[in-house]
Every structure is written in structure tokens, then in C-alpha cells.
Amino acid sequence: MQISKSAGYAVHGLGYLITRGSQEPVQISEIANDQDVSKTYLAKIFQQLSTARIVVGHRGVTGGYILARDPSEITLVDIIEAVDGPIIRRHCCLGMFGCPIKTKCAVLDAFSEANEKFVGVLQKITLSELVGDMSRLDAPFLASKGKKPKKKK
């Protein structure tokens, strides 16, 4: 299974929200500037996160996004499925939708079992745990409480 670029930006954007250290909404332009990604692209991702009730959007001049629930309640599967749609847990590794042997395919069974285990691991990883690990590593794309947002050149 591969995680999309959009899901990666979603995780980093949520990490930015958490480490920003403010209860006030964060504007999408601030997050986009920090992550060096298109504001329009990130806005689409955050709209999907809002639809999935991971973030709450606030309109207006002081608008932006805040987390909809505690980061310890948000898993990587929640984020990935919000952005990429449901994770297909059982599918042909050759991409054959009408495979005549799918009911007896040992390869399909093996890949499906591995995929289930992978998804199980992602379901156990919360956003707060992940951001904690990223903070310890001083990973990029996390806000520091004293750090000012980067300005676009």
C-alpha cells in the first residue's frame, strides 16, 4: 500500500496545527507557506479533513482551521481515508478486476493478509503519537510556539 502525497500533506498540516500551540484558527495560507505547498491544493485537502470531522473550518478574516477532536483520537487511517477514500483491503495485486481465480488465489490471500496487518498498524498510530515522534526528531513542517510563519517571496 502506498500513501498519497495528499495524505502526507494532510498529516504534516495537522502536525503544524498541533505544534502551533494556539487555540485560535490557523489560516490555510500560513500552513501552506510553512509547508511550501499551494494554498489551493492544501485548502482542498483541509476541506476533505473538515468533511471527515477531523478539523473544523472557521470563516472570515480571523478564520482558519482547528482540530475537531483531540489528536489522541485521530488515527493515521482516519486521515488517509479522509483524503484518499476508503482503504481497499482486498484487491488483486495485478489489478485484474474480473480475475477468474480470485476465490482461490494464494497471492491475493497473502497480499490481503499483509495489507490488513499494515492497516492495523496505522489504526494504532494516533496523530498525537506521530507528532510527538516528529517533534523529538525536530522534523520539518512543525510549528514552534515562538516561530513566526515564513513569508512568501
C-alpha atoms as a PDB file:
ATOM      1  CA  MET A   1       0.000   0.000   0.000  1.00  0.00           C
ATOM      2  CA  GLN A   2       1.223   3.470  -0.840  1.00  0.00           C
ATOM      3  CA  ILE A   3       0.276   6.685   0.934  1.00  0.00           C
ATOM      4  CA  SER A   4      -0.627   9.526  -1.422  1.00  0.00           C
ATOM      5  CA  LYS A   5       1.129  12.871  -1.485  1.00  0.00           C
ATOM      6  CA  SER A   6      -2.158  14.470  -0.395  1.00  0.00           C
ATOM      7  CA  ALA A   7      -2.342  12.244   2.689  1.00  0.00           C
ATOM      8  CA  GLY A   8       1.249  13.182   3.521  1.00  0.00           C
ATOM      9  CA  TYR A   9       0.417  16.893   3.296  1.00  0.00           C
ATOM     10  CA  ALA A  10      -2.652  16.262   5.463  1.00  0.00           C
ATOM     11  CA  VAL A  11      -0.558  14.631   8.200  1.00  0.00           C
ATOM     12  CA  HIS A  12       2.051  17.403   8.099  1.00  0.00           C
ATOM     13  CA  GLY A  13      -0.618  20.115   8.040  1.00  0.00           C
ATOM     14  CA  LEU A  14      -2.330  18.604  11.069  1.00  0.00           C
ATOM     15  CA  GLY A  15       1.047  18.352  12.772  1.00  0.00           C
ATOM     16  CA  TYR A  16       1.521  22.056  12.129  1.00  0.00           C
ATOM     17  CA  LEU A  17      -1.866  22.806  13.720  1.00  0.00           C
ATOM     18  CA  ILE A  18      -0.949  20.852  16.847  1.00  0.00           C
ATOM     19  CA  THR A  19       2.525  22.295  17.287  1.00  0.00           C
ATOM     20  CA  ARG A  20       1.400  25.854  16.558  1.00  0.00           C
ATOM     21  CA  GLY A  21       0.320  25.973  20.205  1.00  0.00           C
ATOM     22  CA  SER A  22      -2.729  28.164  19.671  1.00  0.00           C
ATOM     23  CA  GLN A  23      -6.408  27.500  20.232  1.00  0.00           C
ATOM     24  CA  GLU A  24      -7.197  30.108  17.572  1.00  0.00           C
ATOM     25  CA  PRO A  25      -7.928  29.014  13.989  1.00  0.00           C
ATOM     26  CA  VAL A  26      -4.867  28.803  11.741  1.00  0.00           C
ATOM     27  CA  GLN A  27      -5.221  30.185   8.232  1.00  0.00           C
ATOM     28  CA  ILE A  28      -4.562  27.781   5.386  1.00  0.00           C
ATOM     29  CA  SER A  29      -2.153  30.298   3.835  1.00  0.00           C
ATOM     30  CA  GLU A  30       0.075  30.117   6.930  1.00  0.00           C
ATOM     31  CA  ILE A  31       0.229  26.323   6.785  1.00  0.00           C
ATOM     32  CA  ALA A  32       0.756  26.359   3.002  1.00  0.00           C
ATOM     33  CA  ASN A  33       3.597  28.882   3.314  1.00  0.00           C
ATOM     34  CA  ASP A  34       5.280  26.817   6.003  1.00  0.00           C
ATOM     35  CA  GLN A  35       4.972  23.591   4.005  1.00  0.00           C
ATOM     36  CA  ASP A  36       5.848  25.253   0.706  1.00  0.00           C
ATOM     37  CA  VAL A  37       2.731  23.889  -0.964  1.00  0.00           C
ATOM     38  CA  SER A  38      -0.007  25.553  -2.999  1.00  0.00           C
ATOM     39  CA  LYS A  39      -2.656  27.228  -0.864  1.00  0.00           C
ATOM     40  CA  THR A  40      -5.377  25.971  -3.229  1.00  0.00           C
ATOM     41  CA  TYR A  41      -4.110  22.383  -3.060  1.00  0.00           C
ATOM     42  CA  LEU A  42      -3.876  22.435   0.744  1.00  0.00           C
ATOM     43  CA  ALA A  43      -7.315  24.084   1.033  1.00  0.00           C
ATOM     44  CA  LYS A  44      -8.813  21.158  -0.898  1.00  0.00           C
ATOM     45  CA  ILE A  45      -7.105  18.699   1.463  1.00  0.00           C
ATOM     46  CA  PHE A  46      -8.327  20.556   4.550  1.00  0.00           C
ATOM     47  CA  GLN A  47     -11.853  20.665   3.124  1.00  0.00           C
ATOM     48  CA  GLN A  48     -11.716  16.859   2.943  1.00  0.00           C
ATOM     49  CA  LEU A  49     -10.437  16.733   6.535  1.00  0.00           C
ATOM     50  CA  SER A  50     -13.316  19.009   7.530  1.00  0.00           C
ATOM     51  CA  THR A  51     -15.861  16.749   5.828  1.00  0.00           C
ATOM     52  CA  ALA A  52     -14.408  13.825   7.803  1.00  0.00           C
ATOM     53  CA  ARG A  53     -14.726  15.870  11.024  1.00  0.00           C
ATOM     54  CA  ILE A  54     -11.002  15.873  11.688  1.00  0.00           C
ATOM     55  CA  VAL A  55     -10.798  19.666  11.546  1.00  0.00           C
ATOM     56  CA  VAL A  56     -13.336  22.464  11.855  1.00  0.00           C
ATOM     57  CA  GLY A  57     -13.173  25.379   9.455  1.00  0.00           C
ATOM     58  CA  HIS A  58     -13.955  28.925  10.593  1.00  0.00           C
ATOM     59  CA  ARG A  59     -14.830  31.601   8.049  1.00  0.00           C
ATOM     60  CA  GLY A  60     -13.973  35.256   7.995  1.00  0.00           C
ATOM     61  CA  VAL A  61     -10.929  37.446   8.415  1.00  0.00           C
ATOM     62  CA  THR A  62      -9.810  35.607  11.531  1.00  0.00           C
ATOM     63  CA  GLY A  63     -10.910  32.262  10.109  1.00  0.00           C
ATOM     64  CA  GLY A  64      -8.908  29.137   9.550  1.00  0.00           C
ATOM     65  CA  TYR A  65      -8.825  25.599  10.886  1.00  0.00           C
ATOM     66  CA  ILE A  66      -8.660  23.959  14.288  1.00  0.00           C
ATOM     67  CA  LEU A  67      -8.749  20.290  15.224  1.00  0.00           C
ATOM     68  CA  ALA A  68     -12.270  18.917  15.647  1.00  0.00           C
ATOM     69  CA  ARG A  69     -11.199  16.465  18.338  1.00  0.00           C
ATOM     70  CA  ASP A  70      -8.250  15.534  20.473  1.00  0.00           C
ATOM     71  CA  PRO A  71      -5.221  14.384  18.426  1.00  0.00           C
ATOM     72  CA  SER A  72      -5.062  11.211  20.524  1.00  0.00           C
ATOM     73  CA  GLU A  73      -8.418  10.229  18.978  1.00  0.00           C
ATOM     74  CA  ILE A  74      -7.314  10.730  15.350  1.00  0.00           C
ATOM     75  CA  THR A  75      -5.518   7.808  13.702  1.00  0.00           C
ATOM     76  CA  LEU A  76      -3.492   7.674  10.526  1.00  0.00           C
ATOM     77  CA  VAL A  77      -6.256   5.569   8.956  1.00  0.00           C
ATOM     78  CA  ASP A  78      -8.732   8.377   9.730  1.00  0.00           C
ATOM     79  CA  ILE A  79      -6.512  10.888   7.924  1.00  0.00           C
ATOM     80  CA  ILE A  80      -5.680   8.673   4.947  1.00  0.00           C
ATOM     81  CA  GLU A  81      -9.296   7.685   4.392  1.00  0.00           C
ATOM     82  CA  ALA A  82     -10.452  11.298   4.721  1.00  0.00           C
ATOM     83  CA  VAL A  83      -8.129  12.338   1.895  1.00  0.00           C
ATOM     84  CA  ASP A  84      -7.832   9.224  -0.286  1.00  0.00           C
ATOM     85  CA  GLY A  85     -11.131   7.472   0.410  1.00  0.00           C
ATOM     86  CA  PRO A  86     -11.630   4.033   1.928  1.00  0.00           C
ATOM     87  CA  ILE A  87      -8.589   1.796   2.022  1.00  0.00           C
ATOM     88  CA  ILE A  88      -9.208  -1.225  -0.190  1.00  0.00           C
ATOM     89  CA  ARG A  89      -8.192  -4.137   1.950  1.00  0.00           C
ATOM     90  CA  ARG A  90      -8.574  -6.962  -0.562  1.00  0.00           C
ATOM     91  CA  HIS A  91      -7.638  -6.384  -4.179  1.00  0.00           C
ATOM     92  CA  CYS A  92      -5.765  -8.171  -6.929  1.00  0.00           C
ATOM     93  CA  CYS A  93      -2.072  -7.275  -6.964  1.00  0.00           C
ATOM     94  CA  LEU A  94      -2.171  -7.497 -10.775  1.00  0.00           C
ATOM     95  CA  GLY A  95      -5.057  -5.044 -10.982  1.00  0.00           C
ATOM     96  CA  MET A  96      -7.404  -7.597 -12.508  1.00  0.00           C
ATOM     97  CA  PHE A  97     -10.978  -6.783 -11.501  1.00  0.00           C
ATOM     98  CA  GLY A  98     -12.517  -9.788 -13.215  1.00  0.00           C
ATOM     99  CA  CYS A  99      -9.879 -12.358 -12.271  1.00  0.00           C
ATOM    100  CA  PRO A 100     -11.288 -15.872 -12.761  1.00  0.00           C
ATOM    101  CA  ILE A 101      -9.228 -17.374  -9.917  1.00  0.00           C
ATOM    102  CA  LYS A 102      -9.644 -14.721  -7.244  1.00  0.00           C
ATOM    103  CA  THR A 103     -11.515 -17.086  -4.930  1.00  0.00           C
ATOM    104  CA  LYS A 104      -8.546 -19.498  -4.966  1.00  0.00           C
ATOM    105  CA  CYS A 105      -5.620 -17.106  -5.403  1.00  0.00           C
ATOM    106  CA  ALA A 106      -2.859 -17.644  -2.852  1.00  0.00           C
ATOM    107  CA  VAL A 107      -1.150 -14.408  -3.926  1.00  0.00           C
ATOM    108  CA  LEU A 108      -4.337 -12.412  -3.301  1.00  0.00           C
ATOM    109  CA  ASP A 109      -4.706 -14.045   0.104  1.00  0.00           C
ATOM    110  CA  ALA A 110      -1.085 -13.277   1.038  1.00  0.00           C
ATOM    111  CA  PHE A 111      -1.264  -9.644  -0.080  1.00  0.00           C
ATOM    112  CA  SER A 112      -4.638  -9.168   1.589  1.00  0.00           C
ATOM    113  CA  GLU A 113      -3.305 -10.510   4.881  1.00  0.00           C
ATOM    114  CA  ALA A 114      -0.254  -8.234   4.678  1.00  0.00           C
ATOM    115  CA  ASN A 115      -2.465  -5.249   3.819  1.00  0.00           C
ATOM    116  CA  GLU A 116      -4.761  -5.967   6.789  1.00  0.00           C
ATOM    117  CA  LYS A 117      -1.748  -6.024   9.114  1.00  0.00           C
ATOM    118  CA  PHE A 118      -0.467  -2.763   7.636  1.00  0.00           C
ATOM    119  CA  VAL A 119      -3.854  -1.086   8.113  1.00  0.00           C
ATOM    120  CA  GLY A 120      -3.979  -2.482  11.655  1.00  0.00           C
ATOM    121  CA  VAL A 121      -0.680  -0.783  12.454  1.00  0.00           C
ATOM    122  CA  LEU A 122      -1.921   2.528  11.001  1.00  0.00           C
ATOM    123  CA  GLN A 123      -5.098   2.265  13.108  1.00  0.00           C
ATOM    124  CA  LYS A 124      -2.975   2.096  16.250  1.00  0.00           C
ATOM    125  CA  ILE A 125      -0.904   5.208  15.447  1.00  0.00           C
ATOM    126  CA  THR A 126      -2.544   8.398  16.651  1.00  0.00           C
ATOM    127  CA  LEU A 127      -1.824  11.890  15.429  1.00  0.00           C
ATOM    128  CA  SER A 128      -0.568  12.912  18.868  1.00  0.00           C
ATOM    129  CA  GLU A 129       1.904   9.998  18.966  1.00  0.00           C
ATOM    130  CA  LEU A 130       3.140  10.744  15.469  1.00  0.00           C
ATOM    131  CA  VAL A 131       3.590  14.458  16.119  1.00  0.00           C
ATOM    132  CA  GLY A 132       5.378  13.633  19.378  1.00  0.00           C
ATOM    133  CA  ASP A 133       7.811  11.446  17.431  1.00  0.00           C
ATOM    134  CA  MET A 134       8.245  14.153  14.786  1.00  0.00           C
ATOM    135  CA  SER A 135       8.911  16.763  17.474  1.00  0.00           C
ATOM    136  CA  ARG A 136      11.591  14.636  19.113  1.00  0.00           C
ATOM    137  CA  LEU A 137      13.292  14.322  15.727  1.00  0.00           C
ATOM    138  CA  ASP A 138      12.949  18.083  15.120  1.00  0.00           C
ATOM    139  CA  ALA A 139      11.166  17.242  11.873  1.00  0.00           C
ATOM    140  CA  PRO A 140      10.364  19.979   9.349  1.00  0.00           C
ATOM    141  CA  PHE A 141       6.808  21.247   8.864  1.00  0.00           C
ATOM    142  CA  LEU A 142       6.085  21.543  12.572  1.00  0.00           C
ATOM    143  CA  ALA A 143       5.410  24.936  14.084  1.00  0.00           C
ATOM    144  CA  SER A 144       7.392  26.169  17.030  1.00  0.00           C
ATOM    145  CA  LYS A 145       5.434  28.211  19.535  1.00  0.00           C
ATOM    146  CA  GLY A 146       7.847  31.119  19.159  1.00  0.00           C
ATOM    147  CA  LYS A 147       8.430  30.722  15.424  1.00  0.00           C
ATOM    148  CA  LYS A 148       6.849  33.196  13.084  1.00  0.00           C
ATOM    149  CA  PRO A 149       5.310  31.888   9.857  1.00  0.00           C
ATOM    150  CA  LYS A 150       7.525  32.081   6.776  1.00  0.00           C
ATOM    151  CA  LYS A 151       6.720  34.837   4.329  1.00  0.00           C
ATOM    152  CA  LYS A 152       6.324  34.056   0.640  1.00  0.00           C
ATOM    153  CA  LYS A 153       8.975  35.690  -1.530  1.00  0.00           C
END
